[in-house]
Protein backbone atom coordinates (compact mmCIF):
# COMPACT_ATOMS: atom_id res chain seq x y z
CA MET A 1 230.80 139.66 146.87
CA SER A 2 233.68 138.96 144.33
CA THR A 3 232.86 138.84 140.75
CA ALA A 4 232.78 135.57 138.94
CA PRO A 5 235.92 134.61 137.08
CA VAL A 6 236.31 134.24 133.22
CA LEU A 7 237.74 131.18 131.42
CA VAL A 8 240.79 132.46 129.58
CA ASN A 9 243.79 130.52 128.00
CA GLY A 10 243.52 127.57 130.23
CA HIS A 11 242.75 129.24 133.54
CA TRP A 12 239.81 130.66 135.58
CA VAL A 13 241.01 134.26 136.14
CA ALA A 14 239.59 137.44 137.66
CA SER A 15 238.29 139.68 134.90
CA SER A 16 239.73 143.19 134.42
CA ALA A 17 236.27 144.37 133.89
CA THR A 18 235.11 147.66 135.53
CA GLN A 19 231.37 146.90 134.90
CA THR A 20 229.28 143.97 136.11
CA PHE A 21 225.86 142.60 135.85
CA ARG A 22 223.47 140.11 137.79
CA ALA A 23 220.79 137.81 136.52
CA ILE A 24 217.27 137.74 137.88
CA ASN A 25 214.81 135.07 138.92
CA PRO A 26 212.00 135.58 136.52
CA LYS A 27 209.48 133.77 138.80
CA THR A 28 210.14 136.43 141.56
CA ARG A 29 212.00 139.26 139.79
CA GLU A 30 214.54 138.77 142.51
CA VAL A 31 218.05 139.98 141.49
CA LEU A 32 220.31 137.03 142.16
CA SER A 33 223.48 137.39 144.31
CA SER A 34 226.22 136.31 141.87
CA GLU A 35 228.05 139.12 140.01
CA PHE A 36 229.42 138.68 136.47
CA PRO A 37 231.91 140.76 134.51
CA ILE A 38 231.28 142.70 131.32
CA SER A 39 234.70 141.93 129.61
CA PRO A 40 236.68 144.81 128.20
CA TRP A 41 237.93 144.67 124.67
CA SER A 42 241.43 143.89 126.14
CA GLU A 43 240.10 140.73 127.56
CA VAL A 44 238.24 139.72 124.41
CA GLU A 45 241.43 140.14 122.41
CA GLN A 46 243.37 137.97 124.83
CA VAL A 47 240.76 135.21 124.33
CA LEU A 48 241.13 135.54 120.57
CA VAL A 49 244.82 135.23 120.73
CA ALA A 50 244.72 132.23 122.94
CA ALA A 51 242.05 130.48 120.71
CA THR A 52 244.40 131.07 117.60
CA LYS A 53 247.28 129.50 119.42
CA ALA A 54 245.07 126.39 120.33
CA SER A 55 243.89 126.17 116.67
CA PHE A 56 247.44 125.78 115.60
CA ALA A 57 248.32 123.36 118.44
CA VAL A 58 245.53 120.86 117.30
CA ASN A 59 246.34 121.18 113.66
CA GLY A 60 246.54 117.56 112.06
CA TRP A 61 244.92 116.00 115.23
CA SER A 62 242.64 112.96 114.46
CA GLY A 63 238.91 113.27 114.90
CA SER A 64 239.18 110.62 117.68
CA ARG A 65 240.88 113.25 119.92
CA PHE A 66 238.03 115.67 119.60
CA GLY A 67 235.62 112.89 119.99
CA ASP A 68 237.14 111.82 123.27
CA PHE A 69 236.84 115.40 124.56
CA LEU A 70 233.21 115.71 123.60
CA ASP A 71 232.25 112.34 125.22
CA GLN A 72 234.12 113.31 128.44
CA ALA A 73 232.33 116.84 128.55
CA ALA A 74 228.99 114.98 128.25
CA ILE A 75 229.81 112.57 130.97
CA ARG A 76 231.03 115.21 133.23
CA ILE A 77 227.94 117.39 132.66
CA THR A 78 225.62 114.37 133.42
CA GLY A 79 227.56 113.89 136.67
CA ARG A 80 226.60 117.32 137.86
CA ALA A 81 223.04 117.37 136.58
CA GLU A 82 221.26 118.02 139.70
CA GLU A 83 223.06 121.25 140.46
CA ILE A 84 223.13 122.43 136.90
CA VAL A 85 219.48 121.86 136.54
CA ALA A 86 218.50 123.55 139.86
CA LYS A 87 220.53 126.75 138.84
CA ALA A 88 219.09 126.81 135.39
CA HIS A 89 215.63 126.69 136.90
CA GLU A 90 216.40 129.51 139.16
CA GLU A 91 217.74 131.80 136.40
CA THR A 92 215.23 130.90 133.81
CA GLY A 93 211.98 129.87 135.55
CA LEU A 94 211.85 126.84 133.17
CA PRO A 95 210.41 123.77 135.03
CA VAL A 96 212.80 121.29 136.36
CA SER A 97 210.75 118.35 135.19
CA PRO A 98 210.17 117.35 132.38
CA ARG A 99 211.71 120.39 130.60
CA LEU A 100 215.14 120.81 131.97
CA LYS A 101 216.06 117.50 133.77
CA ASP A 102 214.22 115.03 131.45
CA VAL A 103 214.36 116.69 128.13
CA GLU A 104 216.86 119.45 127.56
CA LEU A 105 219.90 118.11 129.47
CA PRO A 106 219.61 114.67 127.87
CA ARG A 107 219.25 116.30 124.54
CA THR A 108 222.42 118.31 125.13
CA THR A 109 224.60 115.48 126.25
CA ASN A 110 223.12 113.38 123.24
CA GLN A 111 224.23 116.12 120.90
CA LEU A 112 227.85 115.97 122.30
CA HIS A 113 227.87 112.24 121.99
CA GLN A 114 226.57 112.50 118.38
CA ALA A 115 229.25 115.10 117.55
CA ALA A 116 231.93 112.83 119.12
CA LEU A 117 230.89 109.93 116.85
CA ALA A 118 230.97 112.05 113.72
CA ALA A 119 234.31 113.42 114.72
CA ARG A 120 235.82 110.03 114.91
CA ASP A 121 234.20 108.70 111.85
CA GLY A 122 235.41 111.53 109.64
CA SER A 123 232.89 111.16 106.83
CA TRP A 124 231.61 114.60 107.51
CA SER A 125 234.75 115.99 105.99
CA MET A 126 233.71 114.76 102.48
CA ALA A 127 237.32 113.67 101.78
CA THR A 128 237.65 113.60 97.82
CA ILE A 129 240.52 112.03 96.03
CA ASP A 130 240.96 112.38 92.22
CA ARG A 131 244.03 110.12 91.40
CA LYS A 132 244.36 111.14 87.70
CA THR A 133 244.94 114.68 88.47
CA ASN A 134 246.53 114.09 92.07
CA ILE A 135 244.13 116.73 93.48
CA ARG A 136 242.68 115.82 96.81
CA SER A 137 240.32 117.95 99.12
CA LEU A 138 238.49 117.74 102.38
CA PHE A 139 236.71 119.94 104.86
CA GLY A 140 238.91 120.83 107.71
CA PRO A 141 238.88 123.37 110.69
CA ILE A 142 237.93 126.98 109.81
CA GLY A 143 239.68 128.47 113.02
CA PRO A 144 238.45 129.71 116.33
CA VAL A 145 234.65 129.81 116.36
CA ALA A 146 232.78 132.36 118.70
CA VAL A 147 229.48 130.89 119.89
CA PHE A 148 226.67 133.11 121.08
CA GLY A 149 224.03 131.19 123.10
CA PRO A 150 220.30 132.31 123.52
CA ASN A 151 218.14 132.84 126.60
CA ASN A 152 215.66 130.10 125.81
CA PHE A 153 217.76 127.06 125.97
CA PRO A 154 220.21 127.18 128.82
CA PHE A 155 221.78 123.85 127.85
CA ALA A 156 221.00 122.82 124.31
CA TYR A 157 222.21 125.94 122.68
CA ASN A 158 224.46 127.12 125.27
CA GLY A 159 227.75 128.58 123.87
CA ILE A 160 229.87 126.32 126.01
CA CYS A 161 228.08 122.99 125.44
CA GLY A 162 225.19 123.27 123.06
CA GLY A 163 224.90 122.29 119.45
CA ASP A 164 227.07 125.02 117.94
CA PHE A 165 229.76 124.23 120.40
CA ALA A 166 229.67 120.49 119.69
CA THR A 167 229.80 120.90 116.00
CA ALA A 168 232.49 123.45 116.02
CA VAL A 169 234.71 121.17 118.17
CA ALA A 170 233.94 118.05 115.96
CA ALA A 171 235.33 120.08 113.10
CA GLY A 172 238.58 120.63 115.00
CA ASN A 173 238.01 124.20 116.15
CA PRO A 174 238.62 126.00 119.34
CA VAL A 175 235.48 127.64 120.78
CA ILE A 176 235.09 130.99 122.42
CA ALA A 177 231.63 130.84 124.37
CA LYS A 178 229.70 134.00 125.01
CA ALA A 179 227.25 133.14 127.82
CA HIS A 180 223.85 134.58 127.79
CA SER A 181 223.19 137.30 130.54
CA SER A 182 219.87 135.51 131.49
CA HIS A 183 221.68 132.38 132.84
CA PRO A 184 225.32 133.15 133.50
CA GLU A 185 225.81 130.97 136.63
CA THR A 186 224.24 128.05 134.79
CA SER A 187 226.89 128.79 131.99
CA ARG A 188 229.70 128.97 134.52
CA LEU A 189 228.77 125.52 136.00
CA LEU A 190 228.55 123.97 132.58
CA ALA A 191 232.00 125.67 131.67
CA GLU A 192 233.65 124.11 134.74
CA GLU A 193 232.76 120.61 133.59
CA VAL A 194 233.63 121.28 130.02
CA PHE A 195 236.94 122.77 130.95
CA ALA A 196 237.78 119.86 133.24
CA ALA A 197 236.96 117.37 130.41
CA ALA A 198 239.28 119.41 128.11
CA GLN A 199 242.16 118.99 130.65
CA GLU A 200 241.40 115.35 131.12
CA THR A 201 241.62 114.74 127.39
CA GLY A 202 244.76 116.95 126.60
CA MET A 203 243.08 119.77 124.81
CA PRO A 204 245.56 122.67 124.77
CA ALA A 205 245.06 125.94 126.72
CA GLY A 206 242.71 128.37 124.92
CA PHE A 207 240.74 125.37 123.09
CA VAL A 208 237.62 126.20 125.36
CA GLN A 209 237.04 129.73 126.77
CA MET A 210 234.12 131.67 128.13
CA ILE A 211 233.22 135.19 128.77
CA TYR A 212 229.81 136.41 129.92
CA ARG A 213 229.15 139.58 128.40
CA THR A 214 230.63 142.45 126.39
CA SER A 215 229.57 145.74 125.01
CA HIS A 216 227.67 145.92 121.92
CA GLU A 217 230.62 147.68 120.30
CA ASP A 218 233.09 145.02 121.35
CA GLY A 219 230.62 142.26 120.09
CA VAL A 220 230.73 143.87 116.78
CA LYS A 221 234.64 144.12 116.89
CA LEU A 222 234.75 140.43 117.75
CA ALA A 223 232.57 139.37 114.85
CA SER A 224 234.71 141.03 112.30
CA HIS A 225 238.12 140.33 113.93
CA PRO A 226 240.57 138.64 111.57
CA LEU A 227 241.60 136.09 113.99
CA LEU A 228 238.02 134.62 114.22
CA GLY A 229 237.24 131.79 111.91
CA ALA A 230 233.39 131.91 112.09
CA ILE A 231 230.36 132.81 114.33
CA GLY A 232 227.48 130.69 115.59
CA TYR A 233 224.66 133.02 116.91
CA THR A 234 221.20 132.15 118.23
CA GLY A 235 219.22 135.05 119.46
CA GLY A 236 217.21 138.25 118.73
CA ARG A 237 217.01 139.53 115.23
CA GLY A 238 218.11 143.12 116.11
CA ALA A 239 221.37 142.21 117.87
CA GLY A 240 222.07 139.45 115.43
CA LEU A 241 221.82 141.69 112.35
CA LYS A 242 224.33 144.04 113.79
CA LEU A 243 226.77 141.12 114.23
CA LYS A 244 226.01 139.91 110.64
CA VAL A 245 226.69 143.32 109.10
CA ALA A 246 230.10 143.33 110.89
CA ALA A 247 230.84 139.75 109.87
CA ASP A 248 229.69 140.25 106.35
CA SER A 249 231.93 143.47 106.00
CA VAL A 250 235.05 141.28 106.27
CA GLY A 251 233.55 138.14 104.64
CA LYS A 252 233.33 136.21 107.87
CA PRO A 253 231.02 133.19 107.94
CA PHE A 254 228.08 133.99 110.27
CA TYR A 255 225.54 131.20 111.01
CA ALA A 256 222.77 132.73 112.81
CA GLU A 257 219.15 131.81 113.97
CA LEU A 258 217.35 135.18 114.09
CA SER A 259 213.66 135.19 113.79
CA SER A 260 210.71 132.78 112.75
CA ILE A 261 207.17 132.79 113.29
CA ASN A 262 206.52 129.34 111.71
CA PRO A 263 203.27 129.75 109.63
CA VAL A 264 200.58 127.01 109.99
CA PHE A 265 198.07 126.36 107.23
CA LEU A 266 194.71 124.86 108.41
CA LEU A 267 192.88 123.87 105.28
CA PRO A 268 189.08 123.69 105.17
CA GLY A 269 188.66 119.92 105.08
CA ALA A 270 191.02 119.47 108.21
CA ILE A 271 189.00 122.06 110.21
CA ALA A 272 185.68 120.45 109.02
CA GLU A 273 187.04 116.94 110.08
CA ARG A 274 188.64 117.71 113.35
CA GLY A 275 188.37 121.40 114.20
CA SER A 276 188.24 120.79 118.15
CA ASP A 277 191.24 118.63 118.06
CA LEU A 278 193.24 121.17 116.10
CA ALA A 279 192.24 123.84 118.42
CA ALA A 280 193.61 121.80 121.29
CA GLU A 281 196.73 120.86 119.53
CA PHE A 282 197.55 124.26 118.31
CA THR A 283 196.91 125.77 121.87
CA THR A 284 199.35 123.24 123.44
CA SER A 285 201.99 123.98 120.91
CA CYS A 286 201.64 127.78 120.95
CA LEU A 287 201.58 128.02 124.70
CA MET A 288 204.09 125.37 125.72
CA GLY A 289 206.97 127.00 127.65
CA CYS A 290 205.03 130.41 127.26
CA GLY A 291 205.79 130.20 123.58
CA GLN A 292 209.37 130.94 124.05
CA PHE A 293 210.61 128.49 121.31
CA CYS A 294 212.11 129.55 117.80
CA THR A 295 209.52 127.05 116.26
CA ASN A 296 206.58 128.48 118.06
CA PRO A 297 203.54 128.59 115.72
CA GLY A 298 203.11 132.30 115.61
CA LEU A 299 201.12 132.77 112.51
CA VAL A 300 198.10 130.62 111.30
CA PHE A 301 196.18 130.94 108.07
CA VAL A 302 192.54 129.80 107.75
CA ILE A 303 189.96 130.39 104.88
CA ASP A 304 187.16 132.22 106.41
CA SER A 305 184.02 130.18 106.89
CA ALA A 306 181.61 129.37 109.78
CA ALA A 307 183.74 126.40 110.81
CA SER A 308 186.96 128.42 110.82
CA GLN A 309 185.26 131.19 112.86
CA ALA A 310 184.25 128.35 115.36
CA PHE A 311 187.77 127.35 115.42
CA VAL A 312 189.07 130.82 116.23
CA ALA A 313 186.45 131.18 119.08
CA ASP A 314 187.54 127.84 120.33
CA VAL A 315 191.22 128.63 120.34
CA ALA A 316 190.40 132.06 122.10
CA SER A 317 188.47 130.25 124.87
CA ARG A 318 191.38 127.84 125.35
CA PHE A 319 193.93 130.68 125.45
CA HIS A 320 191.85 132.58 128.08
CA ALA A 321 191.55 129.50 130.27
CA ALA A 322 195.15 128.19 129.97
CA PRO A 323 197.56 129.03 132.83
CA THR A 324 200.49 131.24 132.16
CA GLY A 325 203.97 130.82 133.35
CA PRO A 326 207.19 133.05 133.75
CA LEU A 327 208.88 134.54 130.85
CA LEU A 328 212.72 134.38 130.65
CA GLY A 329 213.13 137.96 131.66
CA GLU A 330 212.23 141.60 131.32
CA ALA A 331 213.62 141.90 127.87
CA VAL A 332 211.28 139.21 126.66
CA LEU A 333 208.36 140.91 128.29
CA THR A 334 209.29 144.24 126.73
CA GLY A 335 209.61 142.55 123.29
CA LEU A 336 206.15 140.98 123.72
CA VAL A 337 204.58 144.35 124.52
CA ASN A 338 206.20 146.00 121.63
CA GLY A 339 205.38 143.16 119.33
CA VAL A 340 201.74 143.02 120.08
CA GLU A 341 201.44 146.85 119.85
CA THR A 342 202.91 146.60 116.40
CA LEU A 343 200.42 143.85 115.43
CA VAL A 344 197.52 145.77 116.70
CA ARG A 345 198.62 149.09 115.17
CA SER A 346 198.93 147.20 111.71
CA GLY A 347 195.29 146.12 111.85
CA ALA A 348 195.18 143.00 113.99
CA GLU A 349 192.25 142.57 116.45
CA LEU A 350 192.92 141.25 119.91
CA ARG A 351 190.72 138.28 120.71
CA CYS A 352 192.12 137.63 124.11
CA GLY A 353 195.03 138.75 126.32
CA GLY A 354 197.38 141.61 125.20
CA LYS A 355 198.76 142.75 128.43
CA PRO A 356 201.53 142.08 131.09
CA ILE A 357 200.31 140.30 134.19
CA GLU A 358 200.72 142.13 137.41
CA GLY A 359 202.55 140.29 140.07
CA ALA A 360 205.88 138.81 141.21
CA ALA A 361 206.70 136.90 138.00
CA VAL A 362 207.57 138.28 134.67
CA SER A 363 204.61 137.16 132.67
CA PHE A 364 202.17 138.09 129.88
CA GLN A 365 198.65 137.10 129.16
CA ASN A 366 198.12 134.38 126.59
CA THR A 367 197.21 136.33 123.57
CA LEU A 368 195.47 135.65 120.30
CA LEU A 369 194.85 138.08 117.48
CA THR A 370 193.07 137.94 114.11
CA VAL A 371 193.44 139.82 111.03
CA LYS A 372 191.71 139.65 107.57
CA GLY A 373 193.71 138.45 104.64
CA GLU A 374 193.38 141.65 102.76
CA GLN A 375 194.79 143.56 105.48
CA PHE A 376 197.58 141.09 105.78
CA LEU A 377 198.57 141.86 102.16
CA ARG A 378 198.52 145.56 102.77
CA LYS A 379 200.82 145.29 105.96
CA ALA A 380 202.48 141.99 105.34
CA GLU A 381 205.91 143.04 106.73
CA ALA A 382 204.55 144.53 110.07
CA LEU A 383 202.12 141.77 110.61
CA GLN A 384 204.88 139.32 110.54
CA THR A 385 206.54 141.03 113.54
CA GLU A 386 207.86 138.43 115.93
CA ALA A 387 206.16 138.51 119.29
CA PHE A 388 208.46 135.84 121.08
CA GLY A 389 206.23 134.32 123.78
CA ASN A 390 202.57 133.11 124.25
CA VAL A 391 201.20 134.97 121.41
CA SER A 392 199.90 134.02 117.88
CA LEU A 393 198.15 135.76 114.97
CA ILE A 394 195.40 134.06 112.99
CA VAL A 395 194.93 135.46 109.22
CA GLN A 396 191.46 134.82 108.00
CA VAL A 397 191.63 134.87 104.22
CA ALA A 398 188.62 135.18 101.85
CA SER A 399 189.63 132.58 99.44
CA ALA A 400 192.27 130.13 98.24
CA GLU A 401 193.51 132.81 95.83
CA GLU A 402 194.13 135.21 98.75
CA LEU A 403 195.74 132.51 100.75
CA LEU A 404 198.16 131.86 97.99
CA ALA A 405 198.94 135.60 97.61
CA CYS A 406 199.77 135.83 101.28
CA ILE A 407 202.41 133.00 100.94
CA GLU A 408 204.16 135.09 98.34
CA HIS A 409 204.49 137.86 100.96
CA LEU A 410 206.03 135.68 103.69
CA GLU A 411 209.52 136.14 105.02
CA GLY A 412 211.78 133.23 105.55
CA ASN A 413 210.97 130.82 108.37
CA LEU A 414 212.41 127.69 110.08
CA THR A 415 209.18 125.73 109.53
CA GLY A 416 205.79 125.59 107.72
CA SER A 417 202.92 123.26 108.59
CA ILE A 418 199.98 122.16 106.50
CA TYR A 419 196.93 120.35 107.94
CA SER A 420 194.61 118.83 105.31
CA ALA A 421 191.72 116.52 105.23
CA LYS A 422 192.52 112.89 105.80
CA ALA A 423 190.06 111.87 103.05
CA GLY A 424 191.87 113.90 100.38
CA GLY A 425 189.49 116.79 99.85
CA ASP A 426 192.34 119.42 100.34
CA ASP A 427 194.88 117.67 98.15
CA GLU A 428 194.58 120.13 95.29
CA LEU A 429 195.05 123.21 97.46
CA TYR A 430 197.71 121.31 99.41
CA GLY A 431 199.78 121.07 96.26
CA LEU A 432 199.35 124.76 95.42
CA ILE A 433 200.47 125.77 98.96
CA GLU A 434 203.50 123.44 99.16
CA LEU A 435 204.82 124.69 95.73
CA LEU A 436 205.02 128.33 97.12
CA LEU A 437 205.78 127.55 100.81
CA ARG A 438 208.63 125.08 100.04
CA ARG A 439 210.92 128.21 99.14
CA LYS A 440 209.89 130.17 102.31
CA ILE A 441 210.86 127.58 104.89
CA GLY A 442 213.54 125.05 105.98
CA ARG A 443 211.32 122.27 107.32
CA LEU A 444 207.93 121.20 106.00
CA LEU A 445 205.43 119.47 108.32
CA ASN A 446 202.14 117.85 107.48
CA ASP A 447 199.36 117.45 110.19
CA LYS A 448 201.96 118.27 112.93
CA MET A 449 202.83 121.45 114.95
CA PRO A 450 206.31 122.57 114.47
CA THR A 451 207.61 122.85 118.08
CA GLY A 452 209.55 119.64 118.40
CA VAL A 453 213.07 119.55 116.89
CA ALA A 454 214.43 115.97 116.67
CA VAL A 455 218.13 115.73 117.12
CA VAL A 456 218.64 113.33 114.16
CA ALA A 457 220.82 113.42 111.13
CA SER A 458 217.95 114.37 108.75
CA MET A 459 216.74 117.32 110.73
CA ASN A 460 216.95 120.80 109.14
CA HIS A 461 216.76 123.61 111.79
CA GLY A 462 217.51 126.44 109.28
CA GLY A 463 215.77 128.22 106.51
CA PRO A 464 215.65 131.31 104.35
CA PHE A 465 216.46 134.65 105.98
CA PRO A 466 215.67 136.12 108.31
CA ALA A 467 214.98 132.65 110.06
CA THR A 468 218.70 132.19 109.53
CA GLY A 469 221.68 133.87 107.72
CA HIS A 470 221.79 131.23 104.96
CA PRO A 471 219.36 128.66 103.81
CA GLY A 472 221.83 126.01 103.03
CA PHE A 473 222.85 125.19 106.66
CA THR A 474 221.36 123.71 109.77
CA ALA A 475 221.92 124.22 113.32
CA VAL A 476 220.67 120.75 114.39
CA GLY A 477 221.39 117.42 112.60
CA ILE A 478 224.91 115.96 112.53
CA PRO A 479 226.95 115.68 110.31
CA ALA A 480 225.30 118.47 108.24
CA ALA A 481 225.66 120.95 111.04
CA ILE A 482 229.44 120.40 111.21
CA HIS A 483 229.80 121.84 107.80
CA ARG A 484 229.10 125.40 108.97
CA PHE A 485 232.41 125.35 110.84
CA GLY A 486 234.63 123.73 108.14
CA ALA A 487 236.73 125.11 105.38
CA LEU A 488 237.27 123.37 102.12
CA HIS A 489 241.05 122.72 102.02
CA CYS A 490 242.38 121.45 98.61
CA TYR A 491 245.86 119.85 97.88
CA ASP A 492 247.23 119.92 94.50
CA ALA A 493 250.26 117.57 93.75
CA VAL A 494 251.22 117.55 97.45
CA ARG A 495 253.57 114.74 98.43
CA PRO A 496 251.72 111.83 99.98
CA GLU A 497 253.37 111.99 103.45
CA ARG A 498 252.40 115.71 103.71
CA LEU A 499 248.69 115.14 103.18
CA PRO A 500 246.11 114.97 105.91
CA VAL A 501 245.53 111.51 106.70
CA ALA A 502 241.96 111.50 105.67
CA ILE A 503 242.99 112.05 102.07
CA GLN A 504 246.09 109.66 102.01
CA ASP A 505 245.69 106.55 100.01
CA LYS A 506 244.91 104.30 102.98
CA ASN A 507 241.58 104.86 104.65
CA PRO A 508 242.55 105.91 108.13
CA THR A 509 239.66 104.28 109.85
CA GLY A 510 238.59 101.67 107.28
CA LYS A 511 234.99 103.00 107.73
CA MET A 512 235.26 106.68 106.54
CA TRP A 513 233.31 107.40 103.41
CA ARG A 514 235.37 109.16 100.76
CA MET A 515 234.89 110.17 97.17
CA ILE A 516 237.46 108.31 95.16
CA ASP A 517 237.63 108.86 91.31
CA GLY A 518 233.88 110.00 91.46
CA GLY A 519 232.40 107.20 93.50
CA TRP A 520 231.84 106.95 97.33
CA SER A 521 233.90 104.27 98.84
CA GLN A 522 235.23 103.01 102.31
CA GLY A 523 238.26 101.37 100.73
CA ASP A 524 241.84 102.54 100.07
CA ALA A 525 242.53 104.65 97.10
C-alpha cells in the first residue's frame, strides 16, 4: 500500500520519508491499514520556506479575506461530516454520538465561524491612534504558525482545523499543521476540505500545509527555526517542555497546554447538604470519556470527617460499578500505569482499580486513590503527577489550616472548583481558599465540575505553568485567543497612505473598535 501524501506548498505530494507509521483502533488494538510518513528535516524545511512566502503574499490583506476562508473551511468540513466522524471513531474509539458528531464537530465549525467574524471585524487588533504624536499601532500577523494537535480532540484542537488553527488564520498567519499520530487519517480528511476551501477563496500556496509526524529532534529544530513566527501546542508535558526549551532559546512565542489536574474543593457544608449528589456529579465528570480531558478533575480536597469518609466510600463504589471504555492508545495506557504507580509510591492508597484491563480494547480500571493531607504536604510534587485518564486522587486534610497549606503547594492548573454550602455556612472558608487558589488557576468555578469548556468570548482555557506556558493567554475564547498569534506593530510618523488600513484615519468597516486619543471609538480619527 502506498504512503499517504503530505500537503506541501499548495499540493498533495509523495513524501520523501524513509520511515512510516500506522495508527491503531484502540477498541480492538487492530493496526489500521493506512500508512503515513515521518517527514525528514528536508521536508519540514520546505514547508517552512513555503509558509514564509505565503506570509508575505497575504501581507496587507483585509480580515474579510481570512474570514471567507475560515467560513468556507467550516462549510466544507460540515459537508463531509459523516465520513470524518466515522474515521475519527475508528482511530480514537470516541463514540460517534453524542461526542464526535453532535458535540465536537459542531464545536469545531463554530470556532471557525467565530474566528471568521473576528477577522472581519478587526477589533481584536486593538488598533490605537495617537494623533498628537502621530504614532499608531495595532496587532498584526506574527508569521508562520506551527500547530501541534493533541490525541484527545481529533477535531476541536486538530492542527489543521482546531482552535489554534482558526485563531492563527484570523490573525493573518499561514499555518503548518502537525497531525497527531493517533488520528492521522482523520487529519488527512480534514486537511483535504480545508485545503479545498483555501483554493476556493484564493489563499496562496503554502498558506495551509500539513505533515503527519517528525522525529523528536526535527520537532525541536522546527520549534526554534528562524522562519517560524510562533507555536501552538496541545499535548503531553514531557514533549511539550522539550519544544518549549527550544523555542525559549531563540525567544520564539510558544503557547502550550501541558498538564493540569484541576483541583476540586468540597467544603464540609456542601458535603453535609448533598454528599450523595456530589459523589454522583464528580463520578460523571471524572469518568466522562475515560477521563481523557485536559479539564478532568484529577485532584479533590476534603476535610476529614465521618461525612467526607462516607463521600469517599460512595465515590469508590460508583467508580467500581461504572463501565469503562477504550483509551486513546497504548501511550495513554502506559502513562496511566506509570502515573498511578508514582502516586502509590508517594503514599497514596488505592481505593479501587489501579490496573489495566485485559481484553481487546486498550483500557484501564476506573481508579480512585486517597492520601492524607500531611503526606500530600511532604510529597506535593509527586502527588500532583498527572494520570491522564479515568483516575483521581482525594486528599483528606485534617483541618482548614492544613487545607490552605496544601493550596500553597499546588502547581498551576487550568481550573479550580469550590463547592460550598448553599446556606452560607462555608463562606468564610471559601473566601480564604479563593484568595490563595486564584493565583494557581486560570478559571474558577463554583458548585460546578470543570470538564465543560464553553466556546465563548469570556472563556479562559489557560492558566499558570505547567497548565500552559504563559498565564496571560487562552486557547479558547475569541478574540482573546487570537492575540497569541499577533505581533504589536507600531508606526511612527508613517505617511497616511502607507499605514495599514486599520489605523488610517477612516474606520475601514465603520464598526471596528479603535483606541483614538485615549478613548475607544467606532468613528473616524
